[in-house]
Amino acid sequence: MTIAKAIKRKCADIYITDNYLKHISNYHRIELESLGINALDYVKLIATNFTQIRKGSGDSLLLVIYRDDVHDTAAISLSLNGDIWEVRTAQPRRTKEIEKKELLWSKNKKVVGLPQS
């Protein structure tokens, strides 16, 4: 709730559908394999540990675990009825790409490696 107020966005739960999980698994397979994580666990990791929120394309937001070079990122959009945030994709992104996006909120914390499960 505190973060939602700070960025002037609706506070709602974050969900992902099977179709978007398949998209992440198919289109970002190599990145996920290099991290040693599956799509669902990757999305959960980002949704529970993000350190930044940036403006995405259109009305979307980017949840980012900001690291030194490559940042774990999930793009989310408010559902049509406005009651949940839906994860559309998740992937590692480079600093150059992330820093082009407007920073809306930051925890001011860098994470060195993937948290151990």
PDB file of N, CA and C in Angstrom:
ATOM      1  N   MET A   1       0.824  -1.193   0.000  1.00  0.00           N
ATOM      2  CA  MET A   1       0.000   0.000   0.000  1.00  0.00           C
ATOM      3  C   MET A   1       0.872   1.262   0.000  1.00  0.00           C
ATOM      4  N   THR A   2       1.933   1.250   0.788  1.00  0.00           N
ATOM      5  CA  THR A   2       2.815   2.412   0.875  1.00  0.00           C
ATOM      6  C   THR A   2       3.450   2.729  -0.474  1.00  0.00           C
ATOM      7  N   ILE A   3       3.927   1.693  -1.157  1.00  0.00           N
ATOM      8  CA  ILE A   3       4.557   1.904  -2.466  1.00  0.00           C
ATOM      9  C   ILE A   3       3.527   2.384  -3.477  1.00  0.00           C
ATOM     10  N   ALA A   4       2.338   1.781  -3.470  1.00  0.00           N
ATOM     11  CA  ALA A   4       1.277   2.186  -4.404  1.00  0.00           C
ATOM     12  C   ALA A   4       0.944   3.661  -4.226  1.00  0.00           C
ATOM     13  N   LYS A   5       0.844   4.110  -2.991  1.00  0.00           N
ATOM     14  CA  LYS A   5       0.570   5.531  -2.741  1.00  0.00           C
ATOM     15  C   LYS A   5       1.711   6.402  -3.243  1.00  0.00           C
ATOM     16  N   ALA A   6       2.942   5.969  -3.006  1.00  0.00           N
ATOM     17  CA  ALA A   6       4.110   6.754  -3.413  1.00  0.00           C
ATOM     18  C   ALA A   6       4.176   6.940  -4.927  1.00  0.00           C
ATOM     19  N   ILE A   7       3.757   5.926  -5.691  1.00  0.00           N
ATOM     20  CA  ILE A   7       3.821   6.039  -7.156  1.00  0.00           C
ATOM     21  C   ILE A   7       2.462   6.380  -7.770  1.00  0.00           C
ATOM     22  N   LYS A   8       1.483   6.616  -6.902  1.00  0.00           N
ATOM     23  CA  LYS A   8       0.132   7.014  -7.330  1.00  0.00           C
ATOM     24  C   LYS A   8      -0.491   5.988  -8.277  1.00  0.00           C
ATOM     25  N   ARG A   9      -0.411   4.720  -7.875  1.00  0.00           N
ATOM     26  CA  ARG A   9      -1.011   3.619  -8.625  1.00  0.00           C
ATOM     27  C   ARG A   9      -1.850   2.782  -7.682  1.00  0.00           C
ATOM     28  N   LYS A  10      -2.752   2.022  -8.251  1.00  0.00           N
ATOM     29  CA  LYS A  10      -3.634   1.180  -7.462  1.00  0.00           C
ATOM     30  C   LYS A  10      -2.855   0.033  -6.812  1.00  0.00           C
ATOM     31  N   CYS A  11      -3.155  -0.229  -5.569  1.00  0.00           N
ATOM     32  CA  CYS A  11      -2.587  -1.371  -4.864  1.00  0.00           C
ATOM     33  C   CYS A  11      -3.455  -2.585  -5.188  1.00  0.00           C
ATOM     34  N   ALA A  12      -2.842  -3.641  -5.694  1.00  0.00           N
ATOM     35  CA  ALA A  12      -3.580  -4.868  -6.040  1.00  0.00           C
ATOM     36  C   ALA A  12      -2.604  -6.033  -6.053  1.00  0.00           C
ATOM     37  N   ASP A  13      -3.148  -7.229  -5.951  1.00  0.00           N
ATOM     38  CA  ASP A  13      -2.330  -8.433  -6.015  1.00  0.00           C
ATOM     39  C   ASP A  13      -1.723  -8.586  -7.396  1.00  0.00           C
ATOM     40  N   ILE A  14      -0.614  -9.328  -7.462  1.00  0.00           N
ATOM     41  CA  ILE A  14       0.067  -9.593  -8.721  1.00  0.00           C
ATOM     42  C   ILE A  14      -0.169 -11.056  -9.085  1.00  0.00           C
ATOM     43  N   TYR A  15      -0.628 -11.301 -10.304  1.00  0.00           N
ATOM     44  CA  TYR A  15      -0.915 -12.640 -10.811  1.00  0.00           C
ATOM     45  C   TYR A  15      -0.203 -12.856 -12.135  1.00  0.00           C
ATOM     46  N   ILE A  16      -0.083 -14.128 -12.518  1.00  0.00           N
ATOM     47  CA  ILE A  16       0.407 -14.464 -13.848  1.00  0.00           C
ATOM     48  C   ILE A  16      -0.434 -15.626 -14.380  1.00  0.00           C
ATOM     49  N   THR A  17      -0.777 -15.567 -15.656  1.00  0.00           N
ATOM     50  CA  THR A  17      -1.567 -16.640 -16.270  1.00  0.00           C
ATOM     51  C   THR A  17      -0.631 -17.687 -16.878  1.00  0.00           C
ATOM     52  N   ASP A  18      -1.187 -18.851 -17.166  1.00  0.00           N
ATOM     53  CA  ASP A  18      -0.405 -19.914 -17.809  1.00  0.00           C
ATOM     54  C   ASP A  18       0.157 -19.452 -19.151  1.00  0.00           C
ATOM     55  N   ASN A  19      -0.624 -18.671 -19.895  1.00  0.00           N
ATOM     56  CA  ASN A  19      -0.146 -18.205 -21.207  1.00  0.00           C
ATOM     57  C   ASN A  19       1.096 -17.331 -21.083  1.00  0.00           C
ATOM     58  N   TYR A  20       1.124 -16.444 -20.100  1.00  0.00           N
ATOM     59  CA  TYR A  20       2.308 -15.592 -19.930  1.00  0.00           C
ATOM     60  C   TYR A  20       3.481 -16.386 -19.372  1.00  0.00           C
ATOM     61  N   LEU A  21       3.217 -17.397 -18.546  1.00  0.00           N
ATOM     62  CA  LEU A  21       4.293 -18.281 -18.080  1.00  0.00           C
ATOM     63  C   LEU A  21       4.911 -19.022 -19.263  1.00  0.00           C
ATOM     64  N   LYS A  22       4.067 -19.490 -20.172  1.00  0.00           N
ATOM     65  CA  LYS A  22       4.559 -20.170 -21.376  1.00  0.00           C
ATOM     66  C   LYS A  22       5.401 -19.218 -22.219  1.00  0.00           C
ATOM     67  N   HIS A  23       4.923 -17.984 -22.355  1.00  0.00           N
ATOM     68  CA  HIS A  23       5.674 -16.970 -23.115  1.00  0.00           C
ATOM     69  C   HIS A  23       7.064 -16.792 -22.521  1.00  0.00           C
ATOM     70  N   ILE A  24       7.134 -16.612 -21.204  1.00  0.00           N
ATOM     71  CA  ILE A  24       8.429 -16.406 -20.548  1.00  0.00           C
ATOM     72  C   ILE A  24       9.313 -17.637 -20.728  1.00  0.00           C
ATOM     73  N   SER A  25       8.745 -18.816 -20.521  1.00  0.00           N
ATOM     74  CA  SER A  25       9.505 -20.064 -20.685  1.00  0.00           C
ATOM     75  C   SER A  25      10.037 -20.227 -22.101  1.00  0.00           C
ATOM     76  N   ASN A  26       9.232 -19.894 -23.099  1.00  0.00           N
ATOM     77  CA  ASN A  26       9.624 -20.074 -24.492  1.00  0.00           C
ATOM     78  C   ASN A  26      10.589 -18.998 -24.995  1.00  0.00           C
ATOM     79  N   TYR A  27      10.297 -17.739 -24.721  1.00  0.00           N
ATOM     80  CA  TYR A  27      11.076 -16.651 -25.290  1.00  0.00           C
ATOM     81  C   TYR A  27      12.300 -16.267 -24.469  1.00  0.00           C
ATOM     82  N   HIS A  28      12.354 -16.687 -23.221  1.00  0.00           N
ATOM     83  CA  HIS A  28      13.486 -16.320 -22.361  1.00  0.00           C
ATOM     84  C   HIS A  28      14.134 -17.563 -21.754  1.00  0.00           C
ATOM     85  N   ARG A  29      13.992 -18.688 -22.455  1.00  0.00           N
ATOM     86  CA  ARG A  29      14.499 -19.973 -21.990  1.00  0.00           C
ATOM     87  C   ARG A  29      15.994 -19.938 -21.695  1.00  0.00           C
ATOM     88  N   ILE A  30      16.780 -19.398 -22.609  1.00  0.00           N
ATOM     89  CA  ILE A  30      18.238 -19.381 -22.454  1.00  0.00           C
ATOM     90  C   ILE A  30      18.643 -18.560 -21.227  1.00  0.00           C
ATOM     91  N   GLU A  31      18.018 -17.383 -21.058  1.00  0.00           N
ATOM     92  CA  GLU A  31      18.340 -16.550 -19.886  1.00  0.00           C
ATOM     93  C   GLU A  31      17.984 -17.271 -18.588  1.00  0.00           C
ATOM     94  N   LEU A  32      16.802 -17.904 -18.561  1.00  0.00           N
ATOM     95  CA  LEU A  32      16.371 -18.616 -17.354  1.00  0.00           C
ATOM     96  C   LEU A  32      17.279 -19.801 -17.059  1.00  0.00           C
ATOM     97  N   GLU A  33      17.668 -20.535 -18.099  1.00  0.00           N
ATOM     98  CA  GLU A  33      18.580 -21.664 -17.913  1.00  0.00           C
ATOM     99  C   GLU A  33      19.918 -21.195 -17.345  1.00  0.00           C
ATOM    100  N   SER A  34      20.411 -20.057 -17.835  1.00  0.00           N
ATOM    101  CA  SER A  34      21.698 -19.550 -17.329  1.00  0.00           C
ATOM    102  C   SER A  34      21.595 -19.135 -15.858  1.00  0.00           C
ATOM    103  N   LEU A  35      20.386 -18.757 -15.427  1.00  0.00           N
ATOM    104  CA  LEU A  35      20.168 -18.402 -14.023  1.00  0.00           C
ATOM    105  C   LEU A  35      19.829 -19.626 -13.174  1.00  0.00           C
ATOM    106  N   GLY A  36      19.503 -20.741 -13.832  1.00  0.00           N
ATOM    107  CA  GLY A  36      19.150 -21.959 -13.117  1.00  0.00           C
ATOM    108  C   GLY A  36      17.809 -21.875 -12.402  1.00  0.00           C
ATOM    109  N   ILE A  37      16.824 -21.249 -13.076  1.00  0.00           N
ATOM    110  CA  ILE A  37      15.520 -21.031 -12.445  1.00  0.00           C
ATOM    111  C   ILE A  37      14.420 -21.215 -13.489  1.00  0.00           C
ATOM    112  N   ASN A  38      13.229 -21.650 -13.065  1.00  0.00           N
ATOM    113  CA  ASN A  38      12.114 -21.770 -14.007  1.00  0.00           C
ATOM    114  C   ASN A  38      11.317 -20.464 -14.038  1.00  0.00           C
ATOM    115  N   ALA A  39      10.423 -20.354 -14.990  1.00  0.00           N
ATOM    116  CA  ALA A  39       9.680 -19.102 -15.209  1.00  0.00           C
ATOM    117  C   ALA A  39       8.858 -18.686 -13.989  1.00  0.00           C
ATOM    118  N   LEU A  40       8.123 -19.608 -13.392  1.00  0.00           N
ATOM    119  CA  LEU A  40       7.284 -19.262 -12.242  1.00  0.00           C
ATOM    120  C   LEU A  40       8.125 -18.797 -11.059  1.00  0.00           C
ATOM    121  N   ASP A  41       9.196 -19.509 -10.757  1.00  0.00           N
ATOM    122  CA  ASP A  41      10.057 -19.101  -9.641  1.00  0.00           C
ATOM    123  C   ASP A  41      10.730 -17.764  -9.920  1.00  0.00           C
ATOM    124  N   TYR A  42      11.062 -17.516 -11.181  1.00  0.00           N
ATOM    125  CA  TYR A  42      11.676 -16.237 -11.565  1.00  0.00           C
ATOM    126  C   TYR A  42      10.704 -15.086 -11.327  1.00  0.00           C
ATOM    127  N   VAL A  43       9.464 -15.263 -11.752  1.00  0.00           N
ATOM    128  CA  VAL A  43       8.442 -14.229 -11.541  1.00  0.00           C
ATOM    129  C   VAL A  43       8.221 -14.003 -10.040  1.00  0.00           C
ATOM    130  N   LYS A  44       8.127 -15.088  -9.268  1.00  0.00           N
ATOM    131  CA  LYS A  44       7.957 -14.958  -7.814  1.00  0.00           C
ATOM    132  C   LYS A  44       9.133 -14.210  -7.189  1.00  0.00           C
ATOM    133  N   LEU A  45      10.341 -14.541  -7.640  1.00  0.00           N
ATOM    134  CA  LEU A  45      11.543 -13.880  -7.143  1.00  0.00           C
ATOM    135  C   LEU A  45      11.457 -12.369  -7.348  1.00  0.00           C
ATOM    136  N   ILE A  46      11.103 -11.969  -8.554  1.00  0.00           N
ATOM    137  CA  ILE A  46      11.027 -10.531  -8.871  1.00  0.00           C
ATOM    138  C   ILE A  46       9.896  -9.863  -8.091  1.00  0.00           C
ATOM    139  N   ALA A  47       8.718 -10.491  -8.058  1.00  0.00           N
ATOM    140  CA  ALA A  47       7.558  -9.890  -7.388  1.00  0.00           C
ATOM    141  C   ALA A  47       7.766  -9.728  -5.885  1.00  0.00           C
ATOM    142  N   THR A  48       8.608 -10.543  -5.286  1.00  0.00           N
ATOM    143  CA  THR A  48       8.810 -10.443  -3.833  1.00  0.00           C
ATOM    144  C   THR A  48      10.086  -9.711  -3.440  1.00  0.00           C
ATOM    145  N   ASN A  49      10.989  -9.479  -4.397  1.00  0.00           N
ATOM    146  CA  ASN A  49      12.277  -8.864  -4.058  1.00  0.00           C
ATOM    147  C   ASN A  49      12.627  -7.621  -4.872  1.00  0.00           C
ATOM    148  N   PHE A  50      11.683  -7.053  -5.634  1.00  0.00           N
ATOM    149  CA  PHE A  50      12.034  -5.913  -6.482  1.00  0.00           C
ATOM    150  C   PHE A  50      12.549  -4.751  -5.642  1.00  0.00           C
ATOM    151  N   THR A  51      13.509  -4.038  -6.206  1.00  0.00           N
ATOM    152  CA  THR A  51      14.116  -2.898  -5.520  1.00  0.00           C
ATOM    153  C   THR A  51      13.823  -1.582  -6.232  1.00  0.00           C
ATOM    154  N   GLN A  52      13.203  -1.675  -7.402  1.00  0.00           N
ATOM    155  CA  GLN A  52      12.803  -0.482  -8.146  1.00  0.00           C
ATOM    156  C   GLN A  52      11.487  -0.745  -8.871  1.00  0.00           C
ATOM    157  N   ILE A  53      10.769   0.339  -9.106  1.00  0.00           N
ATOM    158  CA  ILE A  53       9.628   0.316 -10.026  1.00  0.00           C
ATOM    159  C   ILE A  53       9.885   1.417 -11.039  1.00  0.00           C
ATOM    160  N   ARG A  54       9.797   1.054 -12.307  1.00  0.00           N
ATOM    161  CA  ARG A  54      10.007   2.016 -13.386  1.00  0.00           C
ATOM    162  C   ARG A  54       8.792   2.011 -14.299  1.00  0.00           C
ATOM    163  N   LYS A  55       8.622   3.082 -15.025  1.00  0.00           N
ATOM    164  CA  LYS A  55       7.516   3.182 -15.980  1.00  0.00           C
ATOM    165  C   LYS A  55       7.864   2.332 -17.185  1.00  0.00           C
ATOM    166  N   GLY A  56       6.948   1.442 -17.563  1.00  0.00           N
ATOM    167  CA  GLY A  56       7.134   0.622 -18.755  1.00  0.00           C
ATOM    168  C   GLY A  56       6.492   1.285 -19.954  1.00  0.00           C
ATOM    169  N   SER A  57       6.209   0.507 -20.980  1.00  0.00           N
ATOM    170  CA  SER A  57       5.537   1.061 -22.150  1.00  0.00           C
ATOM    171  C   SER A  57       4.040   1.144 -21.872  1.00  0.00           C
ATOM    172  N   GLY A  58       3.392   2.150 -22.437  1.00  0.00           N
ATOM    173  CA  GLY A  58       1.959   2.359 -22.200  1.00  0.00           C
ATOM    174  C   GLY A  58       1.687   2.564 -20.721  1.00  0.00           C
ATOM    175  N   ASP A  59       0.726   1.808 -20.187  1.00  0.00           N
ATOM    176  CA  ASP A  59       0.377   1.922 -18.773  1.00  0.00           C
ATOM    177  C   ASP A  59       1.090   0.896 -17.897  1.00  0.00           C
ATOM    178  N   SER A  60       2.041   0.175 -18.463  1.00  0.00           N
ATOM    179  CA  SER A  60       2.691  -0.890 -17.695  1.00  0.00           C
ATOM    180  C   SER A  60       3.748  -0.338 -16.739  1.00  0.00           C
ATOM    181  N   LEU A  61       4.076  -1.160 -15.769  1.00  0.00           N
ATOM    182  CA  LEU A  61       5.145  -0.869 -14.818  1.00  0.00           C
ATOM    183  C   LEU A  61       6.192  -1.956 -14.934  1.00  0.00           C
ATOM    184  N   LEU A  62       7.424  -1.620 -14.602  1.00  0.00           N
ATOM    185  CA  LEU A  62       8.499  -2.602 -14.557  1.00  0.00           C
ATOM    186  C   LEU A  62       8.922  -2.781 -13.111  1.00  0.00           C
ATOM    187  N   LEU A  63       8.836  -4.003 -12.614  1.00  0.00           N
ATOM    188  CA  LEU A  63       9.377  -4.347 -11.304  1.00  0.00           C
ATOM    189  C   LEU A  63      10.802  -4.818 -11.563  1.00  0.00           C
ATOM    190  N   VAL A  64      11.769  -4.243 -10.864  1.00  0.00           N
ATOM    191  CA  VAL A  64      13.170  -4.496 -11.171  1.00  0.00           C
ATOM    192  C   VAL A  64      13.941  -4.883  -9.912  1.00  0.00           C
ATOM    193  N   ILE A  65      14.691  -5.970 -10.006  1.00  0.00           N
ATOM    194  CA  ILE A  65      15.722  -6.249  -9.005  1.00  0.00           C
ATOM    195  C   ILE A  65      16.989  -5.681  -9.612  1.00  0.00           C
ATOM    196  N   TYR A  66      17.398  -4.519  -9.113  1.00  0.00           N
ATOM    197  CA  TYR A  66      18.518  -3.782  -9.695  1.00  0.00           C
ATOM    198  C   TYR A  66      19.831  -4.371  -9.194  1.00  0.00           C
ATOM    199  N   ARG A  67      20.662  -4.770 -10.141  1.00  0.00           N
ATOM    200  CA  ARG A  67      21.973  -5.367  -9.832  1.00  0.00           C
ATOM    201  C   ARG A  67      23.071  -4.514 -10.457  1.00  0.00           C
ATOM    202  N   ASP A  68      24.260  -5.045 -10.554  1.00  0.00           N
ATOM    203  CA  ASP A  68      25.377  -4.277 -11.097  1.00  0.00           C
ATOM    204  C   ASP A  68      25.333  -4.110 -12.615  1.00  0.00           C
ATOM    205  N   ASP A  69      24.922  -5.133 -13.362  1.00  0.00           N
ATOM    206  CA  ASP A  69      24.960  -5.047 -14.814  1.00  0.00           C
ATOM    207  C   ASP A  69      23.651  -5.488 -15.465  1.00  0.00           C
ATOM    208  N   VAL A  70      23.142  -6.648 -15.081  1.00  0.00           N
ATOM    209  CA  VAL A  70      21.905  -7.183 -15.642  1.00  0.00           C
ATOM    210  C   VAL A  70      20.874  -7.232 -14.532  1.00  0.00           C
ATOM    211  N   HIS A  71      19.674  -6.747 -14.826  1.00  0.00           N
ATOM    212  CA  HIS A  71      18.654  -6.556 -13.809  1.00  0.00           C
ATOM    213  C   HIS A  71      17.435  -7.427 -14.105  1.00  0.00           C
ATOM    214  N   ASP A  72      16.978  -8.161 -13.099  1.00  0.00           N
ATOM    215  CA  ASP A  72      15.808  -9.016 -13.255  1.00  0.00           C
ATOM    216  C   ASP A  72      14.573  -8.118 -13.306  1.00  0.00           C
ATOM    217  N   THR A  73      13.773  -8.267 -14.360  1.00  0.00           N
ATOM    218  CA  THR A  73      12.685  -7.332 -14.629  1.00  0.00           C
ATOM    219  C   THR A  73      11.403  -8.062 -15.006  1.00  0.00           C
ATOM    220  N   ALA A  74      10.297  -7.625 -14.421  1.00  0.00           N
ATOM    221  CA  ALA A  74       8.970  -8.137 -14.788  1.00  0.00           C
ATOM    222  C   ALA A  74       8.105  -6.955 -15.205  1.00  0.00           C
ATOM    223  N   ALA A  75       7.463  -7.074 -16.358  1.00  0.00           N
ATOM    224  CA  ALA A  75       6.526  -6.053 -16.824  1.00  0.00           C
ATOM    225  C   ALA A  75       5.128  -6.453 -16.369  1.00  0.00           C
ATOM    226  N   ILE A  76       4.441  -5.524 -15.695  1.00  0.00           N
ATOM    227  CA  ILE A  76       3.089  -5.795 -15.207  1.00  0.00           C
ATOM    228  C   ILE A  76       2.132  -4.723 -15.700  1.00  0.00           C
ATOM    229  N   SER A  77       0.876  -5.116 -15.878  1.00  0.00           N
ATOM    230  CA  SER A  77      -0.178  -4.182 -16.294  1.00  0.00           C
ATOM    231  C   SER A  77      -1.410  -4.443 -15.455  1.00  0.00           C
ATOM    232  N   LEU A  78      -2.165  -3.397 -15.193  1.00  0.00           N
ATOM    233  CA  LEU A  78      -3.413  -3.538 -14.465  1.00  0.00           C
ATOM    234  C   LEU A  78      -4.421  -4.243 -15.371  1.00  0.00           C
ATOM    235  N   SER A  79      -5.146  -5.212 -14.825  1.00  0.00           N
ATOM    236  CA  SER A  79      -6.121  -5.967 -15.619  1.00  0.00           C
ATOM    237  C   SER A  79      -7.225  -5.044 -16.127  1.00  0.00           C
ATOM    238  N   LEU A  80      -7.993  -5.513 -17.097  1.00  0.00           N
ATOM    239  CA  LEU A  80      -9.057  -4.700 -17.689  1.00  0.00           C
ATOM    240  C   LEU A  80     -10.058  -4.204 -16.644  1.00  0.00           C
ATOM    241  N   ASN A  81     -10.404  -5.049 -15.678  1.00  0.00           N
ATOM    242  CA  ASN A  81     -11.344  -4.601 -14.654  1.00  0.00           C
ATOM    243  C   ASN A  81     -10.643  -3.890 -13.496  1.00  0.00           C
ATOM    244  N   GLY A  82      -9.313  -3.789 -13.571  1.00  0.00           N
ATOM    245  CA  GLY A  82      -8.555  -2.986 -12.613  1.00  0.00           C
ATOM    246  C   GLY A  82      -8.411  -3.573 -11.224  1.00  0.00           C
ATOM    247  N   ASP A  83      -8.620  -4.886 -11.077  1.00  0.00           N
ATOM    248  CA  ASP A  83      -8.547  -5.443  -9.726  1.00  0.00           C
ATOM    249  C   ASP A  83      -7.271  -6.216  -9.434  1.00  0.00           C
ATOM    250  N   ILE A  84      -6.462  -6.516 -10.458  1.00  0.00           N
ATOM    251  CA  ILE A  84      -5.182  -7.193 -10.243  1.00  0.00           C
ATOM    252  C   ILE A  84      -4.129  -6.664 -11.207  1.00  0.00           C
ATOM    253  N   TRP A  85      -2.871  -6.815 -10.832  1.00  0.00           N
ATOM    254  CA  TRP A  85      -1.754  -6.555 -11.725  1.00  0.00           C
ATOM    255  C   TRP A  85      -1.383  -7.891 -12.358  1.00  0.00           C
ATOM    256  N   GLU A  86      -1.245  -7.916 -13.676  1.00  0.00           N
ATOM    257  CA  GLU A  86      -0.894  -9.130 -14.395  1.00  0.00           C
ATOM    258  C   GLU A  86       0.539  -9.043 -14.919  1.00  0.00           C
ATOM    259  N   VAL A  87       1.323 -10.075 -14.652  1.00  0.00           N
ATOM    260  CA  VAL A  87       2.677 -10.139 -15.194  1.00  0.00           C
ATOM    261  C   VAL A  87       2.572 -10.490 -16.664  1.00  0.00           C
ATOM    262  N   ARG A  88       3.178  -9.692 -17.522  1.00  0.00           N
ATOM    263  CA  ARG A  88       3.133  -9.911 -18.970  1.00  0.00           C
ATOM    264  C   ARG A  88       4.392 -10.605 -19.471  1.00  0.00           C
ATOM    265  N   THR A  89       5.526 -10.277 -18.870  1.00  0.00           N
ATOM    266  CA  THR A  89       6.783 -10.925 -19.230  1.00  0.00           C
ATOM    267  C   THR A  89       7.777 -10.698 -18.107  1.00  0.00           C
ATOM    268  N   ALA A  90       8.852 -11.467 -18.127  1.00  0.00           N
ATOM    269  CA  ALA A  90       9.934 -11.314 -17.156  1.00  0.00           C
ATOM    270  C   ALA A  90      11.221 -11.770 -17.818  1.00  0.00           C
ATOM    271  N   GLN A  91      12.281 -10.994 -17.613  1.00  0.00           N
ATOM    272  CA  GLN A  91      13.550 -11.311 -18.236  1.00  0.00           C
ATOM    273  C   GLN A  91      14.657 -10.450 -17.634  1.00  0.00           C
ATOM    274  N   PRO A  92      15.901 -10.892 -17.747  1.00  0.00           N
ATOM    275  CA  PRO A  92      17.017 -10.021 -17.369  1.00  0.00           C
ATOM    276  C   PRO A  92      17.157  -8.913 -18.423  1.00  0.00           C
ATOM    277  N   ARG A  93      17.441  -7.703 -17.960  1.00  0.00           N
ATOM    278  CA  ARG A  93      17.652  -6.583 -18.889  1.00  0.00           C
ATOM    279  C   ARG A  93      18.908  -5.830 -18.486  1.00  0.00           C
ATOM    280  N   ARG A  94      19.573  -5.271 -19.461  1.00  0.00           N
ATOM    281  CA  ARG A  94      20.833  -4.542 -19.226  1.00  0.00           C
ATOM    282  C   ARG A  94      20.561  -3.145 -18.653  1.00  0.00           C
ATOM    283  N   THR A  95      21.580  -2.619 -17.989  1.00  0.00           N
ATOM    284  CA  THR A  95      21.484  -1.309 -17.342  1.00  0.00           C
ATOM    285  C   THR A  95      21.056  -0.230 -18.327  1.00  0.00           C
ATOM    286  N   LYS A  96      21.654  -0.219 -19.507  1.00  0.00           N
ATOM    287  CA  LYS A  96      21.349   0.801 -20.513  1.00  0.00           C
ATOM    288  C   LYS A  96      19.849   0.832 -20.820  1.00  0.00           C
ATOM    289  N   GLU A  97      19.240  -0.340 -20.960  1.00  0.00           N
ATOM    290  CA  GLU A  97      17.813  -0.435 -21.269  1.00  0.00           C
ATOM    291  C   GLU A  97      16.952  -0.009 -20.076  1.00  0.00           C
ATOM    292  N   ILE A  98      17.323  -0.443 -18.887  1.00  0.00           N
ATOM    293  CA  ILE A  98      16.554  -0.126 -17.674  1.00  0.00           C
ATOM    294  C   ILE A  98      16.605   1.364 -17.372  1.00  0.00           C
ATOM    295  N   GLU A  99      17.768   1.955 -17.473  1.00  0.00           N
ATOM    296  CA  GLU A  99      17.911   3.360 -17.076  1.00  0.00           C
ATOM    297  C   GLU A  99      17.272   4.337 -18.051  1.00  0.00           C
ATOM    298  N   LYS A 100      16.809   3.853 -19.202  1.00  0.00           N
ATOM    299  CA  LYS A 100      16.032   4.699 -20.122  1.00  0.00           C
ATOM    300  C   LYS A 100      14.615   4.910 -19.590  1.00  0.00           C
ATOM    301  N   LYS A 101      14.180   4.015 -18.712  1.00  0.00           N
ATOM    302  CA  LYS A 101      12.812   4.054 -18.188  1.00  0.00           C
ATOM    303  C   LYS A 101      12.757   4.919 -16.937  1.00  0.00           C
ATOM    304  N   GLU A 102      11.703   5.707 -16.830  1.00  0.00           N
ATOM    305  CA  GLU A 102      11.543   6.626 -15.701  1.00  0.00           C
ATOM    306  C   GLU A 102      11.453   5.852 -14.380  1.00  0.00           C
ATOM    307  N   LEU A 103      12.275   6.254 -13.418  1.00  0.00           N
ATOM    308  CA  LEU A 103      12.265   5.644 -12.090  1.00  0.00           C
ATOM    309  C   LEU A 103      11.118   6.240 -11.277  1.00  0.00           C
ATOM    310  N   LEU A 104      10.210   5.372 -10.812  1.00  0.00           N
ATOM    311  CA  LEU A 104       9.063   5.819 -10.019  1.00  0.00           C
ATOM    312  C   LEU A 104       9.276   5.596  -8.526  1.00  0.00           C
ATOM    313  N   TRP A 105      10.035   4.558  -8.184  1.00  0.00           N
ATOM    314  CA  TRP A 105      10.264   4.202  -6.789  1.00  0.00           C
ATOM    315  C   TRP A 105      11.541   3.374  -6.691  1.00  0.00           C
ATOM    316  N   SER A 106      12.294   3.561  -5.607  1.00  0.00           N
ATOM    317  CA  SER A 106      13.499   2.770  -5.403  1.00  0.00           C
ATOM    318  C   SER A 106      13.686   2.460  -3.928  1.00  0.00           C
ATOM    319  N   LYS A 107      14.115   1.262  -3.667  1.00  0.00           N
ATOM    320  CA  LYS A 107      14.429   0.829  -2.309  1.00  0.00           C
ATOM    321  C   LYS A 107      15.878   1.187  -1.973  1.00  0.00           C
ATOM    322  N   ASN A 108      16.624   1.692  -2.960  1.00  0.00           N
ATOM    323  CA  ASN A 108      18.028   2.070  -2.799  1.00  0.00           C
ATOM    324  C   ASN A 108      18.889   0.918  -2.316  1.00  0.00           C
ATOM    325  N   LYS A 109      18.707  -0.228  -2.969  1.00  0.00           N
ATOM    326  CA  LYS A 109      19.442  -1.421  -2.562  1.00  0.00           C
ATOM    327  C   LYS A 109      19.816  -2.220  -3.805  1.00  0.00           C
ATOM    328  N   LYS A 110      21.066  -2.633  -3.894  1.00  0.00           N
ATOM    329  CA  LYS A 110      21.509  -3.510  -4.972  1.00  0.00           C
ATOM    330  C   LYS A 110      21.646  -4.919  -4.439  1.00  0.00           C
ATOM    331  N   VAL A 111      21.276  -5.883  -5.254  1.00  0.00           N
ATOM    332  CA  VAL A 111      21.372  -7.295  -4.880  1.00  0.00           C
ATOM    333  C   VAL A 111      22.536  -7.874  -5.679  1.00  0.00           C
ATOM    334  N   VAL A 112      23.422  -8.594  -5.015  1.00  0.00           N
ATOM    335  CA  VAL A 112      24.600  -9.117  -5.678  1.00  0.00           C
ATOM    336  C   VAL A 112      24.314 -10.400  -6.444  1.00  0.00           C
ATOM    337  N   GLY A 113      23.523 -11.314  -5.907  1.00  0.00           N
ATOM    338  CA  GLY A 113      23.248 -12.573  -6.571  1.00  0.00           C
ATOM    339  C   GLY A 113      21.818 -13.014  -6.325  1.00  0.00           C
ATOM    340  N   LEU A 114      21.408 -14.066  -6.990  1.00  0.00           N
ATOM    341  CA  LEU A 114      20.070 -14.586  -6.770  1.00  0.00           C
ATOM    342  C   LEU A 114      19.948 -15.113  -5.347  1.00  0.00           C
ATOM    343  N   PRO A 115      18.880 -14.779  -4.634  1.00  0.00           N
ATOM    344  CA  PRO A 115      18.686 -15.326  -3.297  1.00  0.00           C
ATOM    345  C   PRO A 115      18.557 -16.845  -3.369  1.00  0.00           C
ATOM    346  N   GLN A 116      19.065 -17.517  -2.381  1.00  0.00           N
ATOM    347  CA  GLN A 116      18.981 -18.976  -2.330  1.00  0.00           C
ATOM    348  C   GLN A 116      17.608 -19.389  -1.850  1.00  0.00           C
ATOM    349  N   SER A 117      17.032 -20.424  -2.469  1.00  0.00           N
ATOM    350  CA  SER A 117      15.709 -20.920  -2.078  1.00  0.00           C
ATOM    351  C   SER A 117      15.809 -21.791  -0.862  1.00  0.00           C
TER     352      SER A 117
END
